[in-house]
Amino acid sequence: MTDESILSAWVGFRPLLAKQDAKNTASLPRGHVVTHSPSQLVNILGGKWTTCRALAEDAVDYTIRLRQVREAH
């Protein structure tokens, strides 16, 4: 294999949710959490590239519920 034979490459960081007492990254969960900031910005923390559709659906559902709660008050 030579440099000329490489057609493409991809690299990235896995956004893991850290625990204070975690000894290594292998012990960290690979799931995601959807939450919001005081300014109502919806945040998606953690997750995996392969679950991006489920992650997006959870974020949309969370946003809808957040809006419904705001409108009820």
PDB file of N, CA and C in Angstrom:
ATOM      1  N   MET A   1       0.846  -1.174   0.000  1.00  0.00           N
ATOM      2  CA  MET A   1       0.000   0.000   0.000  1.00  0.00           C
ATOM      3  C   MET A   1       0.895   1.241   0.000  1.00  0.00           C
ATOM      4  N   THR A   2       0.529   2.188  -0.806  1.00  0.00           N
ATOM      5  CA  THR A   2       1.253   3.455  -0.867  1.00  0.00           C
ATOM      6  C   THR A   2       0.301   4.597  -0.535  1.00  0.00           C
ATOM      7  N   ASP A   3       0.846   5.768  -0.281  1.00  0.00           N
ATOM      8  CA  ASP A   3       0.000   6.937  -0.011  1.00  0.00           C
ATOM      9  C   ASP A   3      -0.951   7.209  -1.167  1.00  0.00           C
ATOM     10  N   GLU A   4      -0.510   6.956  -2.378  1.00  0.00           N
ATOM     11  CA  GLU A   4      -1.347   7.208  -3.556  1.00  0.00           C
ATOM     12  C   GLU A   4      -2.549   6.260  -3.635  1.00  0.00           C
ATOM     13  N   SER A   5      -2.485   5.107  -2.981  1.00  0.00           N
ATOM     14  CA  SER A   5      -3.589   4.147  -3.041  1.00  0.00           C
ATOM     15  C   SER A   5      -4.699   4.458  -2.030  1.00  0.00           C
ATOM     16  N   ILE A   6      -4.481   5.375  -1.127  1.00  0.00           N
ATOM     17  CA  ILE A   6      -5.495   5.740  -0.137  1.00  0.00           C
ATOM     18  C   ILE A   6      -6.503   6.687  -0.784  1.00  0.00           C
ATOM     19  N   LEU A   7      -7.763   6.279  -0.792  1.00  0.00           N
ATOM     20  CA  LEU A   7      -8.814   7.075  -1.418  1.00  0.00           C
ATOM     21  C   LEU A   7      -9.466   8.053  -0.449  1.00  0.00           C
ATOM     22  N   SER A   8      -9.598   7.656   0.802  1.00  0.00           N
ATOM     23  CA  SER A   8     -10.199   8.547   1.784  1.00  0.00           C
ATOM     24  C   SER A   8      -9.865   8.048   3.181  1.00  0.00           C
ATOM     25  N   ALA A   9     -10.088   8.906   4.158  1.00  0.00           N
ATOM     26  CA  ALA A   9      -9.865   8.561   5.558  1.00  0.00           C
ATOM     27  C   ALA A   9     -10.804   9.401   6.413  1.00  0.00           C
ATOM     28  N   TRP A  10     -11.114   8.905   7.579  1.00  0.00           N
ATOM     29  CA  TRP A  10     -11.970   9.638   8.505  1.00  0.00           C
ATOM     30  C   TRP A  10     -11.474   9.372   9.911  1.00  0.00           C
ATOM     31  N   VAL A  11     -11.447  10.380  10.731  1.00  0.00           N
ATOM     32  CA  VAL A  11     -11.042  10.245  12.115  1.00  0.00           C
ATOM     33  C   VAL A  11     -11.870  11.209  12.949  1.00  0.00           C
ATOM     34  N   GLY A  12     -12.105  10.859  14.178  1.00  0.00           N
ATOM     35  CA  GLY A  12     -12.858  11.744  15.051  1.00  0.00           C
ATOM     36  C   GLY A  12     -12.692  11.342  16.498  1.00  0.00           C
ATOM     37  N   PHE A  13     -13.244  12.157  17.372  1.00  0.00           N
ATOM     38  CA  PHE A  13     -13.207  11.881  18.795  1.00  0.00           C
ATOM     39  C   PHE A  13     -14.561  11.375  19.242  1.00  0.00           C
ATOM     40  N   ARG A  14     -14.570  10.426  20.153  1.00  0.00           N
ATOM     41  CA  ARG A  14     -15.818   9.912  20.698  1.00  0.00           C
ATOM     42  C   ARG A  14     -16.205  10.758  21.907  1.00  0.00           C
ATOM     43  N   PRO A  15     -17.361  11.396  21.882  1.00  0.00           N
ATOM     44  CA  PRO A  15     -17.768  12.260  22.991  1.00  0.00           C
ATOM     45  C   PRO A  15     -18.365  11.445  24.136  1.00  0.00           C
ATOM     46  N   LEU A  16     -17.553  11.015  25.064  1.00  0.00           N
ATOM     47  CA  LEU A  16     -18.015  10.192  26.172  1.00  0.00           C
ATOM     48  C   LEU A  16     -18.430  11.062  27.361  1.00  0.00           C
ATOM     49  N   LEU A  17     -19.459  10.615  28.053  1.00  0.00           N
ATOM     50  CA  LEU A  17     -19.882  11.295  29.277  1.00  0.00           C
ATOM     51  C   LEU A  17     -18.987  10.807  30.413  1.00  0.00           C
ATOM     52  N   ALA A  18     -18.210  11.684  30.972  1.00  0.00           N
ATOM     53  CA  ALA A  18     -17.240  11.303  31.995  1.00  0.00           C
ATOM     54  C   ALA A  18     -17.890  11.155  33.359  1.00  0.00           C
ATOM     55  N   LYS A  19     -17.345  10.236  34.118  1.00  0.00           N
ATOM     56  CA  LYS A  19     -17.713  10.074  35.518  1.00  0.00           C
ATOM     57  C   LYS A  19     -16.491  10.459  36.337  1.00  0.00           C
ATOM     58  N   GLN A  20     -16.735  11.056  37.479  1.00  0.00           N
ATOM     59  CA  GLN A  20     -15.626  11.502  38.322  1.00  0.00           C
ATOM     60  C   GLN A  20     -14.713  10.345  38.739  1.00  0.00           C
ATOM     61  N   ASP A  21     -15.289   9.165  38.985  1.00  0.00           N
ATOM     62  CA  ASP A  21     -14.503   8.045  39.484  1.00  0.00           C
ATOM     63  C   ASP A  21     -14.095   7.052  38.394  1.00  0.00           C
ATOM     64  N   ALA A  22     -14.243   7.407  37.127  1.00  0.00           N
ATOM     65  CA  ALA A  22     -13.888   6.491  36.036  1.00  0.00           C
ATOM     66  C   ALA A  22     -12.373   6.294  35.991  1.00  0.00           C
ATOM     67  N   LYS A  23     -11.963   5.035  35.885  1.00  0.00           N
ATOM     68  CA  LYS A  23     -10.538   4.727  35.839  1.00  0.00           C
ATOM     69  C   LYS A  23      -9.982   4.774  34.423  1.00  0.00           C
ATOM     70  N   ASN A  24     -10.838   4.526  33.420  1.00  0.00           N
ATOM     71  CA  ASN A  24     -10.412   4.577  32.020  1.00  0.00           C
ATOM     72  C   ASN A  24     -11.638   4.765  31.131  1.00  0.00           C
ATOM     73  N   THR A  25     -11.428   5.080  29.862  1.00  0.00           N
ATOM     74  CA  THR A  25     -12.558   5.339  28.961  1.00  0.00           C
ATOM     75  C   THR A  25     -13.356   4.085  28.647  1.00  0.00           C
ATOM     76  N   ALA A  26     -12.763   2.911  28.778  1.00  0.00           N
ATOM     77  CA  ALA A  26     -13.490   1.672  28.489  1.00  0.00           C
ATOM     78  C   ALA A  26     -14.657   1.474  29.453  1.00  0.00           C
ATOM     79  N   SER A  27     -14.571   2.055  30.648  1.00  0.00           N
ATOM     80  CA  SER A  27     -15.632   1.883  31.639  1.00  0.00           C
ATOM     81  C   SER A  27     -16.742   2.916  31.503  1.00  0.00           C
ATOM     82  N   LEU A  28     -16.598   3.870  30.575  1.00  0.00           N
ATOM     83  CA  LEU A  28     -17.604   4.921  30.422  1.00  0.00           C
ATOM     84  C   LEU A  28     -18.755   4.466  29.541  1.00  0.00           C
ATOM     85  N   PRO A  29     -19.980   4.938  29.831  1.00  0.00           N
ATOM     86  CA  PRO A  29     -21.129   4.561  29.005  1.00  0.00           C
ATOM     87  C   PRO A  29     -21.038   5.194  27.614  1.00  0.00           C
ATOM     88  N   ARG A  30     -21.610   4.522  26.623  1.00  0.00           N
ATOM     89  CA  ARG A  30     -21.583   5.013  25.247  1.00  0.00           C
ATOM     90  C   ARG A  30     -22.895   5.659  24.841  1.00  0.00           C
ATOM     91  N   GLY A  31     -23.820   5.795  25.780  1.00  0.00           N
ATOM     92  CA  GLY A  31     -25.124   6.384  25.496  1.00  0.00           C
ATOM     93  C   GLY A  31     -25.055   7.902  25.400  1.00  0.00           C
ATOM     94  N   HIS A  32     -26.224   8.516  25.291  1.00  0.00           N
ATOM     95  CA  HIS A  32     -26.295   9.970  25.207  1.00  0.00           C
ATOM     96  C   HIS A  32     -27.348  10.502  26.169  1.00  0.00           C
ATOM     97  N   VAL A  33     -27.246  11.782  26.445  1.00  0.00           N
ATOM     98  CA  VAL A  33     -28.175  12.487  27.317  1.00  0.00           C
ATOM     99  C   VAL A  33     -28.590  13.757  26.593  1.00  0.00           C
ATOM    100  N   VAL A  34     -29.888  14.066  26.643  1.00  0.00           N
ATOM    101  CA  VAL A  34     -30.386  15.314  26.073  1.00  0.00           C
ATOM    102  C   VAL A  34     -30.850  16.177  27.247  1.00  0.00           C
ATOM    103  N   THR A  35     -30.385  17.398  27.274  1.00  0.00           N
ATOM    104  CA  THR A  35     -30.724  18.324  28.348  1.00  0.00           C
ATOM    105  C   THR A  35     -30.805  19.737  27.766  1.00  0.00           C
ATOM    106  N   HIS A  36     -31.032  20.725  28.617  1.00  0.00           N
ATOM    107  CA  HIS A  36     -31.050  22.098  28.116  1.00  0.00           C
ATOM    108  C   HIS A  36     -30.405  23.042  29.121  1.00  0.00           C
ATOM    109  N   SER A  37     -29.933  24.151  28.602  1.00  0.00           N
ATOM    110  CA  SER A  37     -29.295  25.174  29.418  1.00  0.00           C
ATOM    111  C   SER A  37     -30.345  26.154  29.922  1.00  0.00           C
ATOM    112  N   PRO A  38     -29.980  27.034  30.845  1.00  0.00           N
ATOM    113  CA  PRO A  38     -30.933  28.053  31.320  1.00  0.00           C
ATOM    114  C   PRO A  38     -31.502  28.924  30.188  1.00  0.00           C
ATOM    115  N   SER A  39     -30.744  29.084  29.106  1.00  0.00           N
ATOM    116  CA  SER A  39     -31.232  29.888  27.977  1.00  0.00           C
ATOM    117  C   SER A  39     -32.114  29.076  27.025  1.00  0.00           C
ATOM    118  N   GLN A  40     -32.427  27.826  27.414  1.00  0.00           N
ATOM    119  CA  GLN A  40     -33.279  26.912  26.645  1.00  0.00           C
ATOM    120  C   GLN A  40     -32.565  26.286  25.439  1.00  0.00           C
ATOM    121  N   LEU A  41     -31.254  26.403  25.363  1.00  0.00           N
ATOM    122  CA  LEU A  41     -30.490  25.739  24.306  1.00  0.00           C
ATOM    123  C   LEU A  41     -30.470  24.245  24.590  1.00  0.00           C
ATOM    124  N   VAL A  42     -30.949  23.435  23.648  1.00  0.00           N
ATOM    125  CA  VAL A  42     -30.979  21.988  23.822  1.00  0.00           C
ATOM    126  C   VAL A  42     -29.585  21.438  23.542  1.00  0.00           C
ATOM    127  N   ASN A  43     -29.083  20.609  24.461  1.00  0.00           N
ATOM    128  CA  ASN A  43     -27.744  20.038  24.371  1.00  0.00           C
ATOM    129  C   ASN A  43     -27.820  18.523  24.258  1.00  0.00           C
ATOM    130  N   ILE A  44     -27.016  17.963  23.395  1.00  0.00           N
ATOM    131  CA  ILE A  44     -26.888  16.514  23.257  1.00  0.00           C
ATOM    132  C   ILE A  44     -25.482  16.167  23.722  1.00  0.00           C
ATOM    133  N   LEU A  45     -25.388  15.360  24.754  1.00  0.00           N
ATOM    134  CA  LEU A  45     -24.100  14.999  25.332  1.00  0.00           C
ATOM    135  C   LEU A  45     -23.840  13.515  25.129  1.00  0.00           C
ATOM    136  N   GLY A  46     -22.643  13.183  24.664  1.00  0.00           N
ATOM    137  CA  GLY A  46     -22.285  11.791  24.462  1.00  0.00           C
ATOM    138  C   GLY A  46     -22.848  11.248  23.166  1.00  0.00           C
ATOM    139  N   GLY A  47     -23.081   9.947  23.131  1.00  0.00           N
ATOM    140  CA  GLY A  47     -23.637   9.305  21.953  1.00  0.00           C
ATOM    141  C   GLY A  47     -22.586   8.685  21.052  1.00  0.00           C
ATOM    142  N   LYS A  48     -23.059   8.037  20.015  1.00  0.00           N
ATOM    143  CA  LYS A  48     -22.184   7.374  19.047  1.00  0.00           C
ATOM    144  C   LYS A  48     -22.611   7.785  17.647  1.00  0.00           C
ATOM    145  N   TRP A  49     -21.660   7.813  16.744  1.00  0.00           N
ATOM    146  CA  TRP A  49     -21.928   8.163  15.347  1.00  0.00           C
ATOM    147  C   TRP A  49     -22.977   7.220  14.761  1.00  0.00           C
ATOM    148  N   THR A  50     -22.934   5.949  15.127  1.00  0.00           N
ATOM    149  CA  THR A  50     -23.846   4.962  14.549  1.00  0.00           C
ATOM    150  C   THR A  50     -25.278   5.084  15.064  1.00  0.00           C
ATOM    151  N   THR A  51     -25.487   5.859  16.124  1.00  0.00           N
ATOM    152  CA  THR A  51     -26.842   6.033  16.650  1.00  0.00           C
ATOM    153  C   THR A  51     -27.356   7.452  16.412  1.00  0.00           C
ATOM    154  N   CYS A  52     -26.815   8.124  15.409  1.00  0.00           N
ATOM    155  CA  CYS A  52     -27.152   9.540  15.200  1.00  0.00           C
ATOM    156  C   CYS A  52     -28.638   9.760  14.923  1.00  0.00           C
ATOM    157  N   ARG A  53     -29.315   8.828  14.271  1.00  0.00           N
ATOM    158  CA  ARG A  53     -30.748   9.017  14.007  1.00  0.00           C
ATOM    159  C   ARG A  53     -31.573   8.949  15.289  1.00  0.00           C
ATOM    160  N   ALA A  54     -31.271   7.991  16.140  1.00  0.00           N
ATOM    161  CA  ALA A  54     -31.971   7.895  17.425  1.00  0.00           C
ATOM    162  C   ALA A  54     -31.655   9.101  18.285  1.00  0.00           C
ATOM    163  N   LEU A  55     -30.432   9.554  18.249  1.00  0.00           N
ATOM    164  CA  LEU A  55     -30.013  10.734  18.995  1.00  0.00           C
ATOM    165  C   LEU A  55     -30.788  11.962  18.523  1.00  0.00           C
ATOM    166  N   ALA A  56     -30.905  12.125  17.224  1.00  0.00           N
ATOM    167  CA  ALA A  56     -31.648  13.260  16.661  1.00  0.00           C
ATOM    168  C   ALA A  56     -33.130  13.183  17.040  1.00  0.00           C
ATOM    169  N   GLU A  57     -33.704  11.996  16.984  1.00  0.00           N
ATOM    170  CA  GLU A  57     -35.119  11.829  17.358  1.00  0.00           C
ATOM    171  C   GLU A  57     -35.328  12.185  18.828  1.00  0.00           C
ATOM    172  N   ASP A  58     -34.419  11.746  19.695  1.00  0.00           N
ATOM    173  CA  ASP A  58     -34.524  12.086  21.113  1.00  0.00           C
ATOM    174  C   ASP A  58     -34.425  13.594  21.326  1.00  0.00           C
ATOM    175  N   ALA A  59     -33.546  14.258  20.579  1.00  0.00           N
ATOM    176  CA  ALA A  59     -33.389  15.711  20.708  1.00  0.00           C
ATOM    177  C   ALA A  59     -34.647  16.446  20.256  1.00  0.00           C
ATOM    178  N   VAL A  60     -35.261  16.002  19.173  1.00  0.00           N
ATOM    179  CA  VAL A  60     -36.495  16.634  18.685  1.00  0.00           C
ATOM    180  C   VAL A  60     -37.633  16.398  19.682  1.00  0.00           C
ATOM    181  N   ASP A  61     -37.774  15.168  20.164  1.00  0.00           N
ATOM    182  CA  ASP A  61     -38.817  14.868  21.156  1.00  0.00           C
ATOM    183  C   ASP A  61     -38.627  15.702  22.418  1.00  0.00           C
ATOM    184  N   TYR A  62     -37.397  15.832  22.867  1.00  0.00           N
ATOM    185  CA  TYR A  62     -37.092  16.636  24.053  1.00  0.00           C
ATOM    186  C   TYR A  62     -37.477  18.096  23.823  1.00  0.00           C
ATOM    187  N   THR A  63     -37.141  18.610  22.655  1.00  0.00           N
ATOM    188  CA  THR A  63     -37.443  20.004  22.323  1.00  0.00           C
ATOM    189  C   THR A  63     -38.948  20.253  22.307  1.00  0.00           C
ATOM    190  N   ILE A  64     -39.706  19.310  21.762  1.00  0.00           N
ATOM    191  CA  ILE A  64     -41.173  19.432  21.736  1.00  0.00           C
ATOM    192  C   ILE A  64     -41.720  19.440  23.160  1.00  0.00           C
ATOM    193  N   ARG A  65     -41.253  18.522  24.004  1.00  0.00           N
ATOM    194  CA  ARG A  65     -41.721  18.484  25.405  1.00  0.00           C
ATOM    195  C   ARG A  65     -41.340  19.764  26.144  1.00  0.00           C
ATOM    196  N   LEU A  66     -40.135  20.262  25.921  1.00  0.00           N
ATOM    197  CA  LEU A  66     -39.684  21.493  26.563  1.00  0.00           C
ATOM    198  C   LEU A  66     -40.588  22.661  26.178  1.00  0.00           C
ATOM    199  N   ARG A  67     -40.950  22.742  24.913  1.00  0.00           N
ATOM    200  CA  ARG A  67     -41.829  23.820  24.453  1.00  0.00           C
ATOM    201  C   ARG A  67     -43.225  23.683  25.054  1.00  0.00           C
ATOM    202  N   GLN A  68     -43.734  22.461  25.132  1.00  0.00           N
ATOM    203  CA  GLN A  68     -45.051  22.243  25.711  1.00  0.00           C
ATOM    204  C   GLN A  68     -45.078  22.666  27.184  1.00  0.00           C
ATOM    205  N   VAL A  69     -44.028  22.378  27.895  1.00  0.00           N
ATOM    206  CA  VAL A  69     -43.959  22.774  29.309  1.00  0.00           C
ATOM    207  C   VAL A  69     -43.913  24.290  29.420  1.00  0.00           C
ATOM    208  N   ARG A  70     -43.123  24.947  28.579  1.00  0.00           N
ATOM    209  CA  ARG A  70     -43.051  26.416  28.609  1.00  0.00           C
ATOM    210  C   ARG A  70     -44.381  27.048  28.277  1.00  0.00           C
ATOM    211  N   GLU A  71     -45.109  26.498  27.304  1.00  0.00           N
ATOM    212  CA  GLU A  71     -46.395  27.068  26.902  1.00  0.00           C
ATOM    213  C   GLU A  71     -47.473  26.838  27.965  1.00  0.00           C
ATOM    214  N   ALA A  72     -47.334  25.783  28.747  1.00  0.00           N
ATOM    215  CA  ALA A  72     -48.326  25.481  29.797  1.00  0.00           C
ATOM    216  C   ALA A  72     -48.216  26.433  30.988  1.00  0.00           C
ATOM    217  N   HIS A  73     -47.083  27.105  31.112  1.00  0.00           N
ATOM    218  CA  HIS A  73     -46.884  28.008  32.259  1.00  0.00           C
ATOM    219  C   HIS A  73     -47.068  29.413  31.887  1.00  0.00           C
TER     220      HIS A  73
END
